[in-house]
N, C-alpha and C. Protein backbone atom coordinates (compact mmCIF):
# COMPACT_ATOMS: atom_id res chain seq x y z
N MET A 1 89.78 -38.03 -57.20
CA MET A 1 89.55 -37.28 -58.70
C MET A 1 89.16 -36.30 -57.98
N ALA A 2 89.40 -34.78 -58.43
CA ALA A 2 88.90 -33.62 -58.05
C ALA A 2 87.85 -33.45 -59.04
N ARG A 3 86.49 -32.75 -58.50
CA ARG A 3 85.52 -32.15 -59.42
C ARG A 3 85.77 -31.00 -60.12
N SER A 4 85.98 -30.83 -61.32
CA SER A 4 85.96 -29.63 -61.96
C SER A 4 85.01 -28.61 -61.55
N ARG A 5 85.17 -27.36 -61.09
CA ARG A 5 84.67 -26.32 -60.63
C ARG A 5 83.86 -25.48 -61.71
N THR A 6 82.78 -24.99 -61.90
CA THR A 6 82.43 -24.25 -62.80
C THR A 6 81.52 -23.18 -62.59
N PHE A 7 81.27 -22.15 -62.91
CA PHE A 7 80.16 -21.05 -62.77
C PHE A 7 79.67 -20.39 -63.83
N ALA A 8 78.76 -21.05 -64.66
CA ALA A 8 78.46 -20.23 -66.01
C ALA A 8 77.05 -20.75 -66.36
N GLY A 9 76.52 -20.27 -67.26
CA GLY A 9 75.27 -20.48 -67.84
C GLY A 9 74.01 -20.39 -66.72
N ALA A 10 73.41 -21.47 -66.57
CA ALA A 10 72.18 -21.50 -65.83
C ALA A 10 72.29 -20.90 -64.56
N GLU A 11 73.61 -21.81 -64.02
CA GLU A 11 73.88 -21.39 -62.73
C GLU A 11 73.96 -19.95 -62.39
N GLN A 12 74.89 -19.25 -63.41
CA GLN A 12 75.29 -17.92 -63.06
C GLN A 12 73.94 -17.00 -63.52
N ARG A 13 73.09 -17.26 -64.31
CA ARG A 13 71.58 -16.77 -64.66
C ARG A 13 71.00 -16.76 -63.63
N ALA A 14 70.78 -17.81 -62.75
CA ALA A 14 70.06 -18.10 -61.49
C ALA A 14 70.52 -17.05 -60.13
N PHE A 15 72.15 -17.08 -60.10
CA PHE A 15 72.53 -16.37 -58.85
C PHE A 15 72.24 -14.84 -59.22
N LEU A 16 72.38 -14.33 -60.61
CA LEU A 16 72.07 -13.06 -60.78
C LEU A 16 70.47 -12.83 -60.37
N ASP A 17 69.70 -13.25 -60.97
CA ASP A 17 68.21 -13.27 -60.89
C ASP A 17 68.30 -13.05 -59.23
N LYS A 18 68.37 -13.87 -58.49
CA LYS A 18 68.38 -14.00 -56.89
C LYS A 18 69.26 -12.53 -56.36
N ALA A 19 70.49 -12.03 -57.06
CA ALA A 19 70.97 -11.02 -56.82
C ALA A 19 70.09 -9.74 -56.86
N GLU A 20 69.51 -9.82 -58.06
CA GLU A 20 68.96 -8.76 -58.66
C GLU A 20 67.76 -8.78 -57.56
N ASN A 21 66.99 -9.45 -57.00
CA ASN A 21 65.66 -9.60 -56.50
C ASN A 21 66.27 -9.05 -54.99
N TRP A 22 67.66 -9.31 -54.32
CA TRP A 22 67.93 -8.64 -53.22
C TRP A 22 68.26 -7.28 -53.50
N ARG A 23 68.73 -6.89 -54.50
CA ARG A 23 69.26 -5.29 -54.59
C ARG A 23 67.91 -4.48 -54.73
N LEU A 24 66.81 -4.89 -55.42
CA LEU A 24 65.93 -4.46 -55.69
C LEU A 24 64.97 -3.93 -54.26
N GLU A 25 65.06 -5.29 -53.24
CA GLU A 25 64.56 -4.79 -51.97
C GLU A 25 65.40 -3.80 -50.91
N CYS A 26 66.50 -4.02 -51.27
CA CYS A 26 67.71 -3.11 -50.60
C CYS A 26 67.27 -1.52 -51.10
N ILE A 27 67.21 -1.39 -52.38
CA ILE A 27 66.47 -0.39 -52.87
C ILE A 27 65.51 0.30 -52.20
N ARG A 28 64.27 -0.72 -52.01
CA ARG A 28 63.25 -0.52 -51.48
C ARG A 28 63.18 0.09 -50.04
N VAL A 29 64.17 -0.31 -49.50
CA VAL A 29 64.53 -0.46 -47.95
C VAL A 29 64.92 1.29 -47.76
N VAL A 30 65.89 1.47 -48.72
CA VAL A 30 67.07 2.86 -48.65
C VAL A 30 65.74 3.55 -49.09
N ALA A 31 64.96 3.37 -49.74
CA ALA A 31 64.04 4.73 -50.05
C ALA A 31 63.09 5.09 -49.07
N GLN A 32 62.82 4.01 -48.29
CA GLN A 32 61.85 4.45 -47.07
C GLN A 32 62.36 4.92 -45.67
N ALA A 33 63.98 4.18 -45.24
CA ALA A 33 64.51 4.36 -44.15
C ALA A 33 65.12 5.95 -44.01
N PRO A 34 65.47 6.37 -42.82
CA PRO A 34 65.80 7.77 -42.61
C PRO A 34 67.53 7.77 -43.27
N VAL A 35 67.71 8.91 -43.89
CA VAL A 35 69.00 9.07 -44.63
C VAL A 35 69.85 8.62 -43.53
N GLY A 36 70.89 8.02 -43.36
CA GLY A 36 71.99 8.05 -42.42
C GLY A 36 71.76 7.00 -41.23
N SER A 37 70.52 6.45 -41.19
CA SER A 37 70.22 5.27 -40.05
C SER A 37 71.32 4.37 -40.52
N LEU A 38 71.34 3.38 -39.32
CA LEU A 38 71.87 2.25 -39.51
C LEU A 38 71.18 1.04 -40.79
N VAL A 39 69.70 1.35 -40.91
CA VAL A 39 69.25 -0.02 -41.71
C VAL A 39 69.92 0.89 -43.23
N TYR A 40 69.47 2.36 -43.14
CA TYR A 40 70.06 2.99 -44.65
C TYR A 40 71.33 2.51 -45.07
N GLN A 41 72.24 2.41 -44.12
CA GLN A 41 73.75 2.32 -44.49
C GLN A 41 74.13 1.06 -44.83
N ALA A 42 73.42 0.19 -43.92
CA ALA A 42 73.24 -1.47 -44.01
C ALA A 42 72.92 -1.83 -45.76
N ALA A 43 71.75 -1.75 -45.83
CA ALA A 43 71.22 -1.66 -47.30
C ALA A 43 71.86 -0.93 -48.37
N SER A 44 72.53 0.14 -48.07
CA SER A 44 73.39 0.81 -49.19
C SER A 44 74.53 -0.14 -49.41
N GLY A 45 74.97 -0.58 -48.30
CA GLY A 45 76.31 -1.59 -48.52
C GLY A 45 76.21 -2.90 -48.88
N ILE A 46 74.88 -3.52 -48.87
CA ILE A 46 74.43 -4.59 -49.45
C ILE A 46 74.36 -4.12 -51.11
N ILE A 47 73.56 -3.13 -51.70
CA ILE A 47 73.64 -2.57 -52.70
C ILE A 47 74.82 -2.66 -53.62
N ASP A 48 75.93 -2.17 -52.74
CA ASP A 48 77.37 -2.24 -53.11
C ASP A 48 77.89 -3.20 -53.62
N ALA A 49 77.52 -4.12 -52.64
CA ALA A 49 78.05 -5.51 -52.61
C ALA A 49 77.39 -6.54 -53.42
N ILE A 50 76.22 -5.98 -54.06
CA ILE A 50 75.76 -7.02 -55.11
C ILE A 50 76.18 -6.35 -56.53
N ASP A 51 76.58 -4.93 -56.57
CA ASP A 51 77.03 -4.27 -57.66
C ASP A 51 78.40 -4.78 -57.85
N GLY A 52 79.13 -5.14 -56.82
CA GLY A 52 80.54 -6.15 -57.07
C GLY A 52 80.43 -7.20 -57.51
N LEU A 53 79.52 -7.95 -56.80
CA LEU A 53 79.08 -9.39 -57.05
C LEU A 53 78.89 -9.49 -58.85
N ALA A 54 78.03 -8.14 -59.29
CA ALA A 54 77.91 -8.59 -60.59
C ALA A 54 78.83 -8.31 -61.42
N GLU A 55 80.04 -7.24 -61.10
CA GLU A 55 81.26 -6.96 -61.51
C GLU A 55 82.10 -8.33 -61.75
N ALA A 56 82.13 -8.97 -60.64
CA ALA A 56 82.59 -10.28 -60.70
C ALA A 56 82.31 -11.23 -61.69
N VAL A 57 81.13 -11.19 -61.74
CA VAL A 57 80.25 -12.70 -62.54
C VAL A 57 80.16 -12.04 -64.19
N THR A 58 79.68 -10.74 -63.95
CA THR A 58 79.48 -10.22 -65.59
C THR A 58 80.82 -9.21 -66.36
N GLY A 59 81.51 -8.81 -65.30
CA GLY A 59 82.43 -7.77 -65.68
C GLY A 59 82.32 -6.35 -65.94
N ASP A 60 80.91 -6.23 -65.69
CA ASP A 60 80.02 -4.96 -65.54
C ASP A 60 79.46 -4.76 -64.22
N ARG A 61 80.01 -3.68 -63.37
CA ARG A 61 79.27 -3.27 -62.20
C ARG A 61 78.16 -2.64 -62.22
N ARG A 62 77.74 -1.87 -63.35
CA ARG A 62 76.45 -1.69 -63.39
C ARG A 62 75.34 -2.34 -64.42
N HIS A 63 75.76 -3.88 -64.07
CA HIS A 63 74.55 -4.69 -64.76
C HIS A 63 73.36 -4.47 -64.36
N PHE A 64 73.20 -4.21 -63.17
CA PHE A 64 71.42 -4.19 -62.95
C PHE A 64 71.17 -2.86 -62.68
N HIS A 65 71.90 -1.71 -62.92
CA HIS A 65 71.65 -0.38 -63.06
C HIS A 65 70.38 -0.31 -64.66
N LEU A 66 69.46 0.64 -64.68
CA LEU A 66 68.73 0.82 -65.56
C LEU A 66 69.56 1.56 -66.89
N LYS A 67 69.20 1.03 -67.93
CA LYS A 67 69.81 1.49 -68.75
C LYS A 67 68.86 2.45 -70.03
N PRO A 68 69.51 3.61 -70.29
CA PRO A 68 68.50 4.19 -71.04
C PRO A 68 68.02 3.58 -72.40
N PRO A 69 66.49 3.94 -72.86
CA PRO A 69 66.05 3.34 -74.03
C PRO A 69 67.01 3.68 -75.24
N SER A 70 66.85 2.83 -76.03
CA SER A 70 67.38 3.05 -77.56
C SER A 70 66.32 2.52 -78.72
N THR A 71 66.73 3.17 -79.62
CA THR A 71 65.92 2.96 -80.93
C THR A 71 66.30 1.73 -81.74
N PRO A 72 65.44 0.90 -82.14
CA PRO A 72 65.82 -0.14 -82.95
C PRO A 72 66.89 0.19 -84.12
N ASP A 73 67.41 -0.83 -84.12
CA ASP A 73 68.69 -0.99 -85.24
C ASP A 73 69.62 0.19 -85.16
N GLY A 74 69.40 1.36 -83.75
CA GLY A 74 70.13 2.68 -83.89
C GLY A 74 69.67 3.73 -84.95
N ASN A 75 68.58 3.44 -85.43
CA ASN A 75 68.07 4.38 -86.21
C ASN A 75 67.46 5.82 -85.28
N THR A 76 68.23 6.92 -85.38
CA THR A 76 67.91 8.03 -84.79
C THR A 76 67.14 9.07 -85.53
N THR A 77 66.65 8.88 -86.92
CA THR A 77 65.65 9.95 -87.75
C THR A 77 64.50 9.87 -87.28
N LYS A 78 63.98 11.03 -87.17
CA LYS A 78 62.53 11.33 -87.01
C LYS A 78 62.10 10.70 -88.31
N PRO A 79 60.83 10.29 -87.90
CA PRO A 79 59.54 9.82 -89.05
C PRO A 79 59.34 10.90 -89.82
N SER A 80 58.96 10.59 -91.00
CA SER A 80 58.44 11.89 -92.03
C SER A 80 56.93 11.91 -91.32
N GLU A 81 56.33 12.89 -91.43
CA GLU A 81 54.97 13.08 -91.14
C GLU A 81 54.10 13.48 -92.51
């Protein structure tokens, strides 16, 4: 009997957490390596691959990218003084 294969829930979250840590480390390397060097290119490729994994898992290639701050409940009015 074949075992059903699933990838969701806690497994998915643990995978994304590990991928995010690797992505952050590669960003640190890219920030320090000479632009265009082999290390820079390799780390950039890993970042791109991790973004591809995020897209495959979540449907959002920009899953790990910073998101702009938002206001609670979408309230965009200025408080009265």
